[in-house]
Amino acid sequence: MSENECKRCKHKLPKNVCGASESQNYNQNIEPDNSCDYFLESPAQNHYAKALQHGVIKANDAAISEFEAAIELGLPQDDEMCARYFLGSTYSNLVNTDLAGEHIEQLTATPEFQNAINQMEKAVLMDSEGKYGYFSENRALLGKLDVLYSFQADAIQKKEGADDAIAFYETKLQLFDYLPSTPMLIMLLQLGALYYENKGDKERARKYFRKILEADVVDPVDEGGMEANVRQQAENNLKIAEDMESGVSGKKVAAASSSGSWKVFLVLIVPAFLFLIGGFYLLFVLLALAAGAYWWFKLK
């Protein structure tokens, strides 16, 4: 393995384009393991590689430190987008979800929670603005952000009321309008339930329940069945809302229970880290596979 690979070069531009004007690869797409005589080492890429390694084995503090160093030193925008997503996702590993429910306001006020949301949201905005298509291909990665937003909205509803929670949901959902269909199914389910139970707006409730059923698959694997459960609740809620219009009453719609979903979304980070590391270090991939299996069985 060459030490002068393009993926570690300071001339690397977004979308794997060579930015070294002297190189025969200038302005061309390059493979990560390509190399040339005009290699210039990028300290930021070195920190990024180390961060991904730490992330696979859940060395959260070390991963956070390396991600932040990589971002500060400057990465190509698409690499920065990924680094910010995984930085936020790593912060989310430190969130004490035992506080969800009665202590939801305390949970959402923690630095770990706010950093998790802020960094993942920045990644979404960068994907949208840069037209990288990253979250179009990796919809399942947004499952964590879906849960965190729902926690935040729960805290807002508890403190400010349903109207403010609805406004929060609708504002955040707009961030994902650039995608072919929204991956934020829990948010849609919660929003529909708020319109139904708190506002008595059955038509808007039905609109959001239908969006869940019409949305593209978020997680093809759906370990733990969280997505299937949300879709089933949406289908049941839609039927209840339609029955109300027909004069059948007495039932309440169901909102999502995010407490049972957290383990599902935690395991998403391991295969995602493996995908991004690619050819950084072959030996580390073998370690990563073992670490991924360990965390998968531990979180089941």
Protein backbone atom coordinates (compact mmCIF):
# COMPACT_ATOMS: atom_id res chain seq x y z
CA MET A 1 0.00 0.00 0.00
CA SER A 2 1.46 3.33 -1.08
CA GLU A 3 1.88 6.08 1.48
CA ASN A 4 1.15 8.62 -1.27
CA GLU A 5 -2.40 7.58 -2.10
CA CYS A 6 -4.79 10.18 -3.49
CA LYS A 7 -7.22 9.78 -0.61
CA ARG A 8 -4.55 11.23 1.71
CA CYS A 9 -3.54 14.05 -0.64
CA LYS A 10 -4.16 17.72 0.07
CA HIS A 11 -4.96 18.25 -3.64
CA LYS A 12 -8.01 15.96 -3.46
CA LEU A 13 -11.19 17.91 -4.30
CA PRO A 14 -14.86 17.02 -3.69
CA LYS A 15 -16.22 14.02 -5.62
CA ASN A 16 -12.72 12.51 -5.83
CA VAL A 17 -11.34 14.97 -8.38
CA CYS A 18 -7.61 15.70 -8.56
CA GLY A 19 -6.76 19.35 -7.93
CA ALA A 20 -3.00 19.15 -8.56
CA SER A 21 -2.45 21.21 -11.73
CA GLU A 22 0.93 19.56 -12.40
CA SER A 23 -0.48 16.03 -12.23
CA GLN A 24 -1.52 13.93 -15.20
CA ASN A 25 -4.75 13.32 -13.24
CA TYR A 26 -5.65 17.01 -12.92
CA ASN A 27 -9.41 17.65 -13.03
CA GLN A 28 -10.05 13.94 -13.47
CA ASN A 29 -11.81 11.49 -11.20
CA ILE A 30 -9.35 9.48 -9.18
CA GLU A 31 -9.52 6.25 -7.24
CA PRO A 32 -8.67 6.52 -3.53
CA ASP A 33 -5.61 4.28 -3.93
CA ASN A 34 -4.24 6.11 -6.99
CA SER A 35 -0.98 8.02 -6.57
CA CYS A 36 1.28 10.40 -8.49
CA ASP A 37 4.51 12.36 -8.08
CA TYR A 38 2.70 15.50 -6.92
CA PHE A 39 1.29 14.04 -3.71
CA LEU A 40 1.01 16.51 -0.82
CA GLU A 41 0.11 14.99 2.51
CA SER A 42 -3.12 16.24 4.11
CA PRO A 43 -3.04 16.28 7.92
CA ALA A 44 -6.84 16.64 7.85
CA GLN A 45 -7.24 13.38 5.92
CA ASN A 46 -4.94 11.62 8.37
CA HIS A 47 -7.11 12.74 11.29
CA TYR A 48 -10.22 11.72 9.36
CA ALA A 49 -8.85 8.22 8.77
CA LYS A 50 -7.99 7.83 12.45
CA ALA A 51 -11.46 9.08 13.45
CA LEU A 52 -13.13 6.43 11.31
CA GLN A 53 -10.94 3.77 12.86
CA HIS A 54 -11.83 4.87 16.39
CA GLY A 55 -15.50 5.03 15.42
CA VAL A 56 -15.66 1.41 14.33
CA ILE A 57 -14.52 0.18 17.73
CA LYS A 58 -16.70 2.70 19.59
CA ALA A 59 -13.76 4.65 21.00
CA ASN A 60 -16.10 7.62 21.09
CA ASP A 61 -13.95 10.25 22.79
CA ALA A 62 -10.97 9.53 20.55
CA ALA A 63 -13.17 9.54 17.44
CA ILE A 64 -14.72 12.88 18.38
CA SER A 65 -11.29 14.44 18.91
CA GLU A 66 -10.02 13.22 15.53
CA PHE A 67 -13.17 14.23 13.63
CA GLU A 68 -13.02 17.73 15.11
CA ALA A 69 -9.33 18.05 14.23
CA ALA A 70 -9.99 16.93 10.65
CA ILE A 71 -12.82 19.43 10.21
CA GLU A 72 -10.80 22.26 11.71
CA LEU A 73 -7.81 21.60 9.44
CA GLY A 74 -10.01 21.51 6.35
CA LEU A 75 -11.39 18.64 4.28
CA PRO A 76 -12.96 18.60 0.82
CA GLN A 77 -16.61 19.50 1.30
CA ASP A 78 -17.98 16.02 0.69
CA ASP A 79 -15.49 14.52 3.15
CA GLU A 80 -16.36 17.27 5.64
CA MET A 81 -20.04 16.40 5.17
CA CYS A 82 -19.36 12.77 6.06
CA ALA A 83 -17.08 13.76 8.93
CA ARG A 84 -19.78 16.00 10.40
CA TYR A 85 -22.40 13.28 10.11
CA PHE A 86 -20.20 10.73 11.87
CA LEU A 87 -19.11 13.30 14.45
CA GLY A 88 -22.77 13.90 15.30
CA SER A 89 -23.52 10.21 15.26
CA THR A 90 -20.62 9.57 17.63
CA TYR A 91 -21.88 12.29 19.98
CA SER A 92 -25.26 10.53 19.94
CA ASN A 93 -23.58 7.42 21.34
CA LEU A 94 -22.91 9.47 24.49
CA VAL A 95 -26.53 10.59 24.93
CA ASN A 96 -28.14 9.09 28.03
CA THR A 97 -31.43 7.90 26.56
CA ASP A 98 -32.55 6.66 29.99
CA LEU A 99 -33.61 10.28 30.53
CA ALA A 100 -36.18 10.06 27.71
CA GLY A 101 -39.73 10.47 28.92
CA GLU A 102 -40.05 12.16 32.28
CA HIS A 103 -36.64 13.85 32.02
CA ILE A 104 -36.73 14.61 28.30
CA GLU A 105 -35.94 18.32 28.81
CA GLN A 106 -32.82 17.41 30.77
CA LEU A 107 -31.73 14.98 28.04
CA THR A 108 -32.15 17.42 25.17
CA ALA A 109 -30.26 20.18 27.01
CA THR A 110 -27.04 18.16 27.28
CA PRO A 111 -24.05 19.20 25.12
CA GLU A 112 -23.84 15.67 23.70
CA PHE A 113 -27.43 15.83 22.46
CA GLN A 114 -27.11 19.29 20.95
CA ASN A 115 -23.78 18.49 19.28
CA ALA A 116 -25.26 15.31 17.84
CA ILE A 117 -28.20 17.13 16.26
CA ASN A 118 -26.18 20.14 15.09
CA GLN A 119 -23.45 18.15 13.35
CA MET A 120 -25.78 15.70 11.62
CA GLU A 121 -28.01 18.57 10.51
CA LYS A 122 -24.99 20.40 9.05
CA ALA A 123 -24.17 17.25 7.10
CA VAL A 124 -27.69 17.16 5.65
CA LEU A 125 -27.43 20.82 4.61
CA MET A 126 -24.04 20.21 2.97
CA ASP A 127 -25.42 17.21 1.08
CA SER A 128 -28.35 19.29 -0.14
CA GLU A 129 -26.27 22.30 -1.16
CA GLY A 130 -23.46 20.27 -2.74
CA LYS A 131 -25.81 17.84 -4.51
CA TYR A 132 -23.65 14.90 -3.45
CA GLY A 133 -26.54 12.44 -3.20
CA TYR A 134 -25.02 10.96 -0.07
CA PHE A 135 -28.22 10.63 1.95
CA SER A 136 -30.17 9.57 -1.12
CA GLU A 137 -27.99 6.46 -1.11
CA ASN A 138 -27.59 6.19 2.67
CA ARG A 139 -31.08 6.95 3.94
CA ALA A 140 -30.76 4.57 6.86
CA LEU A 141 -28.04 6.73 8.41
CA LEU A 142 -30.64 9.41 9.14
CA GLY A 143 -32.48 7.11 11.53
CA LYS A 144 -30.54 8.50 14.47
CA LEU A 145 -31.39 12.08 13.54
CA ASP A 146 -35.05 11.09 13.18
CA VAL A 147 -35.03 9.83 16.78
CA LEU A 148 -33.14 12.86 18.12
CA TYR A 149 -35.50 15.31 16.44
CA SER A 150 -38.43 13.44 17.98
CA PHE A 151 -36.83 13.70 21.41
CA GLN A 152 -36.32 17.44 20.85
CA ALA A 153 -39.94 17.90 19.80
CA ASP A 154 -41.14 15.97 22.87
CA ALA A 155 -39.18 18.39 25.06
CA ILE A 156 -40.62 21.38 23.19
CA GLN A 157 -44.16 20.06 23.55
CA LYS A 158 -43.65 19.49 27.26
CA LYS A 159 -42.33 23.01 27.82
CA GLU A 160 -44.07 25.15 25.18
CA GLY A 161 -47.05 23.12 23.98
CA ALA A 162 -48.23 21.24 20.91
CA ASP A 163 -48.20 24.24 18.54
CA ASP A 164 -44.48 24.83 19.04
CA ALA A 165 -43.74 21.11 18.66
CA ILE A 166 -45.69 21.05 15.39
CA ALA A 167 -43.77 24.10 14.13
CA PHE A 168 -40.48 22.41 15.02
CA TYR A 169 -41.39 19.22 13.16
CA GLU A 170 -42.58 21.04 10.06
CA THR A 171 -39.48 23.25 9.94
CA LYS A 172 -37.07 20.35 10.29
CA LEU A 173 -38.91 18.16 7.79
CA GLN A 174 -38.29 20.82 5.13
CA LEU A 175 -34.56 20.06 5.37
CA PHE A 176 -35.23 16.74 3.64
CA ASP A 177 -37.34 18.04 0.77
CA TYR A 178 -34.31 17.70 -1.53
CA LEU A 179 -34.47 13.91 -1.19
CA PRO A 180 -36.75 11.83 -3.45
CA SER A 181 -38.85 11.03 -0.37
CA THR A 182 -38.38 11.80 3.29
CA PRO A 183 -36.61 9.23 5.48
CA MET A 184 -37.91 10.84 8.70
CA LEU A 185 -40.75 8.41 9.39
CA ILE A 186 -40.86 8.80 13.18
CA MET A 187 -41.19 12.57 12.84
CA LEU A 188 -44.07 12.14 10.40
CA LEU A 189 -45.83 9.71 12.74
CA GLN A 190 -45.44 12.05 15.71
CA LEU A 191 -46.57 15.06 13.68
CA GLY A 192 -49.66 13.26 12.43
CA ALA A 193 -50.52 12.21 15.97
CA LEU A 194 -50.16 15.80 17.21
CA TYR A 195 -52.51 17.09 14.52
CA TYR A 196 -55.03 14.37 15.29
CA GLU A 197 -55.00 14.42 19.09
CA ASN A 198 -54.06 18.02 19.91
CA LYS A 199 -55.44 20.02 17.01
CA GLY A 200 -58.33 17.86 15.88
CA ASP A 201 -57.12 18.30 12.29
CA LYS A 202 -57.89 14.89 10.82
CA GLU A 203 -57.06 15.89 7.24
CA ARG A 204 -53.50 16.97 8.06
CA ALA A 205 -53.07 13.92 10.26
CA ARG A 206 -54.05 11.67 7.36
CA LYS A 207 -51.65 13.58 5.09
CA TYR A 208 -48.66 12.76 7.29
CA PHE A 209 -49.68 9.14 7.88
CA ARG A 210 -49.97 8.67 4.11
CA LYS A 211 -46.50 10.17 3.59
CA ILE A 212 -45.07 7.39 5.75
CA LEU A 213 -46.78 4.70 3.69
CA GLU A 214 -45.72 6.33 0.41
CA ALA A 215 -42.09 6.94 1.44
CA ASP A 216 -39.27 4.92 -0.08
CA VAL A 217 -37.71 2.25 2.10
CA VAL A 218 -35.36 3.84 4.62
CA ASP A 219 -33.55 0.79 5.96
CA PRO A 220 -33.67 -2.34 3.76
CA VAL A 221 -32.32 -4.45 6.62
CA ASP A 222 -34.54 -2.95 9.34
CA GLU A 223 -32.83 -4.85 12.13
CA GLY A 224 -35.29 -4.96 15.01
CA GLY A 225 -38.26 -4.11 12.80
CA MET A 226 -38.46 -0.44 13.78
CA GLU A 227 -39.36 0.82 10.30
CA ALA A 228 -41.95 -1.91 9.80
CA ASN A 229 -43.48 -0.99 13.16
CA VAL A 230 -43.69 2.72 12.29
CA ARG A 231 -45.29 1.95 8.93
CA GLN A 232 -47.80 -0.37 10.60
CA GLN A 233 -48.71 2.30 13.15
CA ALA A 234 -49.19 4.79 10.32
CA GLU A 235 -51.49 2.38 8.51
CA ASN A 236 -53.50 1.78 11.69
CA ASN A 237 -53.69 5.51 12.44
CA LEU A 238 -54.83 6.29 8.91
CA LYS A 239 -57.66 3.80 9.27
CA ILE A 240 -58.68 5.31 12.62
CA ALA A 241 -58.69 8.81 11.12
CA GLU A 242 -60.74 7.65 8.15
CA ASP A 243 -63.17 5.85 10.45
CA MET A 244 -63.65 9.10 12.34
CA GLU A 245 -64.67 10.79 9.12
CA SER A 246 -67.21 8.00 8.62
CA GLY A 247 -68.68 8.52 12.07
CA VAL A 248 -66.82 5.73 13.88
CA SER A 249 -65.22 7.19 17.02
CA GLY A 250 -63.64 6.25 20.31
CA LYS A 251 -60.10 5.38 19.23
CA LYS A 252 -56.88 7.32 19.67
CA VAL A 253 -54.03 7.28 17.19
CA ALA A 254 -50.62 5.98 18.22
CA ALA A 255 -47.40 7.98 18.27
CA ALA A 256 -43.97 6.41 17.93
CA SER A 257 -42.11 5.01 20.90
CA SER A 258 -38.52 6.04 20.32
CA SER A 259 -37.17 4.37 23.46
CA GLY A 260 -37.23 0.97 21.81
CA SER A 261 -35.64 2.25 18.63
CA TRP A 262 -32.34 3.46 20.03
CA LYS A 263 -30.53 0.14 19.88
CA VAL A 264 -31.63 -0.28 16.29
CA PHE A 265 -30.06 2.98 15.21
CA LEU A 266 -26.89 2.52 17.22
CA VAL A 267 -25.83 -0.46 15.09
CA LEU A 268 -26.09 1.63 11.89
CA ILE A 269 -22.83 3.38 12.64
CA VAL A 270 -20.61 0.29 12.41
CA PRO A 271 -21.32 -0.78 8.80
CA ALA A 272 -21.32 2.86 7.75
CA PHE A 273 -17.85 3.40 9.17
CA LEU A 274 -16.67 0.27 7.37
CA PHE A 275 -18.04 1.57 4.07
CA LEU A 276 -16.27 4.91 4.39
CA ILE A 277 -12.92 3.58 5.49
CA GLY A 278 -12.65 1.57 2.26
CA GLY A 279 -8.98 1.19 1.57
CA PHE A 280 -7.52 3.27 4.38
CA TYR A 281 -5.95 0.34 6.21
CA LEU A 282 -6.56 -3.29 5.22
CA LEU A 283 -5.63 -4.67 8.62
CA PHE A 284 -8.07 -2.34 10.30
CA VAL A 285 -10.92 -3.60 8.15
CA LEU A 286 -10.43 -7.04 9.65
CA LEU A 287 -10.54 -5.56 13.14
CA ALA A 288 -13.61 -3.57 12.18
CA LEU A 289 -15.50 -6.66 11.08
CA ALA A 290 -14.86 -8.26 14.43
CA ALA A 291 -15.87 -5.08 16.27
CA GLY A 292 -19.04 -4.78 14.21
CA ALA A 293 -20.07 -8.33 15.08
CA TYR A 294 -19.37 -7.71 18.76
CA TRP A 295 -21.51 -4.56 18.93
CA TRP A 296 -24.31 -6.10 16.88
CA PHE A 297 -24.68 -9.01 19.29
CA LYS A 298 -24.24 -6.76 22.35
CA LEU A 299 -27.00 -4.37 21.26
CA LYS A 300 -29.52 -7.05 20.30
